[in-house]
Amino acid sequence: MKELLEYIVKALVDNPDNVQIEEIAGEKTIIYELKVGEGDLGKVIGKEGRMAKAIRTILTASSMKHGKRAQLEIIE
């Protein structure tokens, strides 16, 4: 799932080398902390948060196949 998230985000941003994803795993929940370079935060969030919502939807669907829950936190 981390690779999927990384692939999606790197395709959106101008500086894919600055993308950092930290995975915090619990028993049934996985939290992904996403950090992007300066100026790329708006591209990941999108207008009215639509892009972030779409990424979270894909991540949720992927995590359900593995029997877990996933949360995405976008950190400035």
N, C-alpha and C. Protein backbone atom coordinates (compact mmCIF):
# COMPACT_ATOMS: atom_id res chain seq x y z
N MET A 1 0.82 -1.19 0.00
CA MET A 1 0.00 0.00 0.00
C MET A 1 0.86 1.25 0.00
N LYS A 2 1.97 1.19 0.70
CA LYS A 2 2.87 2.34 0.74
C LYS A 2 3.40 2.64 -0.66
N GLU A 3 3.70 1.60 -1.42
CA GLU A 3 4.21 1.80 -2.78
C GLU A 3 3.15 2.43 -3.67
N LEU A 4 1.90 2.03 -3.49
CA LEU A 4 0.81 2.61 -4.26
C LEU A 4 0.66 4.09 -3.95
N LEU A 5 0.68 4.43 -2.68
CA LEU A 5 0.56 5.82 -2.25
C LEU A 5 1.73 6.65 -2.79
N GLU A 6 2.92 6.09 -2.71
CA GLU A 6 4.11 6.78 -3.19
C GLU A 6 4.02 7.02 -4.70
N TYR A 7 3.56 6.04 -5.43
CA TYR A 7 3.42 6.15 -6.89
C TYR A 7 2.44 7.26 -7.27
N ILE A 8 1.31 7.31 -6.58
CA ILE A 8 0.28 8.31 -6.88
C ILE A 8 0.79 9.71 -6.57
N VAL A 9 1.38 9.89 -5.40
CA VAL A 9 1.82 11.22 -4.98
C VAL A 9 2.97 11.72 -5.84
N LYS A 10 3.91 10.85 -6.15
CA LYS A 10 5.05 11.27 -6.97
C LYS A 10 4.62 11.69 -8.38
N ALA A 11 3.53 11.13 -8.87
CA ALA A 11 3.03 11.52 -10.18
C ALA A 11 2.39 12.91 -10.14
N LEU A 12 1.95 13.36 -8.99
CA LEU A 12 1.27 14.64 -8.87
C LEU A 12 2.20 15.82 -8.64
N VAL A 13 3.29 15.62 -7.94
CA VAL A 13 4.13 16.73 -7.50
C VAL A 13 5.21 17.08 -8.51
N ASP A 14 5.78 18.30 -8.35
CA ASP A 14 6.87 18.74 -9.21
C ASP A 14 8.22 18.16 -8.78
N ASN A 15 8.38 17.98 -7.47
CA ASN A 15 9.63 17.45 -6.93
C ASN A 15 9.40 16.09 -6.29
N PRO A 16 9.40 15.01 -7.07
CA PRO A 16 9.12 13.69 -6.50
C PRO A 16 10.20 13.20 -5.53
N ASP A 17 11.38 13.79 -5.57
CA ASP A 17 12.44 13.37 -4.65
C ASP A 17 12.16 13.83 -3.23
N ASN A 18 11.31 14.85 -3.05
CA ASN A 18 11.02 15.38 -1.72
C ASN A 18 9.84 14.69 -1.04
N VAL A 19 9.26 13.70 -1.68
CA VAL A 19 8.12 12.99 -1.10
C VAL A 19 8.63 12.01 -0.03
N GLN A 20 8.08 12.14 1.17
CA GLN A 20 8.43 11.25 2.27
C GLN A 20 7.14 10.66 2.84
N ILE A 21 7.13 9.35 2.97
CA ILE A 21 5.97 8.67 3.53
C ILE A 21 6.45 7.81 4.69
N GLU A 22 5.87 8.08 5.85
CA GLU A 22 6.20 7.30 7.05
C GLU A 22 5.00 6.44 7.40
N GLU A 23 5.26 5.17 7.62
CA GLU A 23 4.19 4.21 7.91
C GLU A 23 4.22 3.86 9.39
N ILE A 24 3.09 4.07 10.06
CA ILE A 24 2.96 3.72 11.47
C ILE A 24 1.91 2.62 11.55
N ALA A 25 2.35 1.42 11.85
CA ALA A 25 1.46 0.26 11.83
C ALA A 25 0.97 -0.08 13.22
N GLY A 26 -0.32 -0.32 13.31
CA GLY A 26 -0.94 -0.80 14.53
C GLY A 26 -1.48 -2.20 14.28
N GLU A 27 -2.34 -2.68 15.17
CA GLU A 27 -2.91 -4.01 14.99
C GLU A 27 -3.79 -4.09 13.76
N LYS A 28 -4.75 -3.18 13.68
CA LYS A 28 -5.69 -3.20 12.56
C LYS A 28 -5.66 -1.92 11.74
N THR A 29 -4.89 -0.95 12.15
CA THR A 29 -4.85 0.33 11.47
C THR A 29 -3.43 0.69 11.08
N ILE A 30 -3.29 1.25 9.90
CA ILE A 30 -2.01 1.76 9.43
C ILE A 30 -2.19 3.24 9.15
N ILE A 31 -1.30 4.05 9.71
CA ILE A 31 -1.34 5.50 9.48
C ILE A 31 -0.16 5.86 8.59
N TYR A 32 -0.45 6.57 7.52
CA TYR A 32 0.59 7.04 6.61
C TYR A 32 0.72 8.55 6.78
N GLU A 33 1.93 8.99 7.12
CA GLU A 33 2.21 10.41 7.24
C GLU A 33 2.93 10.84 5.98
N LEU A 34 2.34 11.76 5.25
CA LEU A 34 2.86 12.20 3.97
C LEU A 34 3.43 13.60 4.09
N LYS A 35 4.68 13.75 3.66
CA LYS A 35 5.33 15.06 3.62
C LYS A 35 5.81 15.28 2.20
N VAL A 36 5.53 16.47 1.67
CA VAL A 36 5.97 16.81 0.32
C VAL A 36 6.79 18.09 0.38
N GLY A 37 7.47 18.39 -0.72
CA GLY A 37 8.31 19.58 -0.78
C GLY A 37 7.47 20.86 -0.81
N GLU A 38 8.17 21.97 -0.66
CA GLU A 38 7.51 23.27 -0.67
C GLU A 38 6.84 23.52 -2.01
N GLY A 39 5.64 24.02 -1.98
CA GLY A 39 4.91 24.32 -3.19
C GLY A 39 4.11 23.15 -3.74
N ASP A 40 4.34 21.96 -3.25
CA ASP A 40 3.63 20.78 -3.75
C ASP A 40 2.43 20.40 -2.89
N LEU A 41 2.29 21.02 -1.75
CA LEU A 41 1.21 20.66 -0.83
C LEU A 41 -0.15 20.91 -1.47
N GLY A 42 -0.30 22.02 -2.18
CA GLY A 42 -1.56 22.34 -2.83
C GLY A 42 -1.92 21.35 -3.92
N LYS A 43 -0.93 20.79 -4.58
CA LYS A 43 -1.19 19.82 -5.65
C LYS A 43 -1.69 18.51 -5.08
N VAL A 44 -1.21 18.15 -3.90
CA VAL A 44 -1.64 16.90 -3.27
C VAL A 44 -3.04 17.06 -2.68
N ILE A 45 -3.33 18.23 -2.12
CA ILE A 45 -4.65 18.46 -1.51
C ILE A 45 -5.69 18.73 -2.59
N GLY A 46 -5.36 19.54 -3.58
CA GLY A 46 -6.29 19.84 -4.67
C GLY A 46 -7.33 20.86 -4.27
N LYS A 47 -8.15 21.24 -5.25
CA LYS A 47 -9.21 22.22 -4.98
C LYS A 47 -10.24 21.61 -4.05
N GLU A 48 -10.52 22.35 -2.99
CA GLU A 48 -11.50 21.94 -1.98
C GLU A 48 -11.21 20.55 -1.41
N GLY A 49 -9.96 20.10 -1.48
CA GLY A 49 -9.57 18.82 -0.90
C GLY A 49 -9.97 17.62 -1.73
N ARG A 50 -10.31 17.83 -2.97
CA ARG A 50 -10.79 16.73 -3.81
C ARG A 50 -9.71 15.69 -4.08
N MET A 51 -8.49 16.16 -4.36
CA MET A 51 -7.40 15.23 -4.67
C MET A 51 -7.07 14.38 -3.43
N ALA A 52 -7.00 15.03 -2.27
CA ALA A 52 -6.71 14.30 -1.03
C ALA A 52 -7.80 13.28 -0.74
N LYS A 53 -9.04 13.65 -0.99
CA LYS A 53 -10.16 12.73 -0.76
C LYS A 53 -10.07 11.53 -1.69
N ALA A 54 -9.70 11.78 -2.95
CA ALA A 54 -9.57 10.68 -3.91
C ALA A 54 -8.44 9.74 -3.53
N ILE A 55 -7.32 10.30 -3.08
CA ILE A 55 -6.19 9.47 -2.64
C ILE A 55 -6.60 8.63 -1.44
N ARG A 56 -7.32 9.24 -0.50
CA ARG A 56 -7.77 8.50 0.69
C ARG A 56 -8.74 7.38 0.31
N THR A 57 -9.60 7.62 -0.69
CA THR A 57 -10.54 6.60 -1.13
C THR A 57 -9.81 5.40 -1.73
N ILE A 58 -8.81 5.67 -2.56
CA ILE A 58 -8.01 4.59 -3.16
C ILE A 58 -7.27 3.82 -2.07
N LEU A 59 -6.70 4.54 -1.12
CA LEU A 59 -5.96 3.92 -0.02
C LEU A 59 -6.88 3.06 0.84
N THR A 60 -8.08 3.53 1.10
CA THR A 60 -9.04 2.76 1.89
C THR A 60 -9.45 1.48 1.18
N ALA A 61 -9.70 1.59 -0.12
CA ALA A 61 -10.09 0.40 -0.89
C ALA A 61 -8.96 -0.62 -0.93
N SER A 62 -7.75 -0.16 -1.09
CA SER A 62 -6.60 -1.06 -1.11
C SER A 62 -6.38 -1.72 0.24
N SER A 63 -6.57 -0.97 1.31
CA SER A 63 -6.33 -1.52 2.65
C SER A 63 -7.39 -2.54 3.03
N MET A 64 -8.60 -2.37 2.55
CA MET A 64 -9.67 -3.33 2.86
C MET A 64 -9.37 -4.70 2.27
N LYS A 65 -8.67 -4.73 1.14
CA LYS A 65 -8.29 -6.02 0.56
C LYS A 65 -7.31 -6.76 1.46
N HIS A 66 -6.54 -6.01 2.24
CA HIS A 66 -5.58 -6.61 3.16
C HIS A 66 -6.16 -6.82 4.56
N GLY A 67 -7.43 -6.45 4.74
CA GLY A 67 -8.08 -6.65 6.03
C GLY A 67 -7.65 -5.65 7.08
N LYS A 68 -7.21 -4.49 6.67
CA LYS A 68 -6.80 -3.45 7.62
C LYS A 68 -7.48 -2.14 7.26
N ARG A 69 -7.29 -1.14 8.13
CA ARG A 69 -7.77 0.21 7.87
C ARG A 69 -6.56 1.10 7.68
N ALA A 70 -6.68 2.04 6.78
CA ALA A 70 -5.57 2.95 6.52
C ALA A 70 -6.05 4.38 6.64
N GLN A 71 -5.19 5.21 7.20
CA GLN A 71 -5.47 6.64 7.31
C GLN A 71 -4.31 7.40 6.69
N LEU A 72 -4.61 8.50 6.04
CA LEU A 72 -3.59 9.34 5.45
C LEU A 72 -3.59 10.69 6.15
N GLU A 73 -2.43 11.07 6.66
CA GLU A 73 -2.27 12.37 7.27
C GLU A 73 -1.26 13.14 6.41
N ILE A 74 -1.70 14.29 5.92
CA ILE A 74 -0.82 15.12 5.10
C ILE A 74 -0.22 16.17 6.03
N ILE A 75 1.11 16.15 6.15
CA ILE A 75 1.80 17.01 7.09
C ILE A 75 2.53 18.11 6.33
N GLU A 76 2.42 19.33 6.83
CA GLU A 76 3.09 20.46 6.19
C GLU A 76 4.56 20.45 6.49
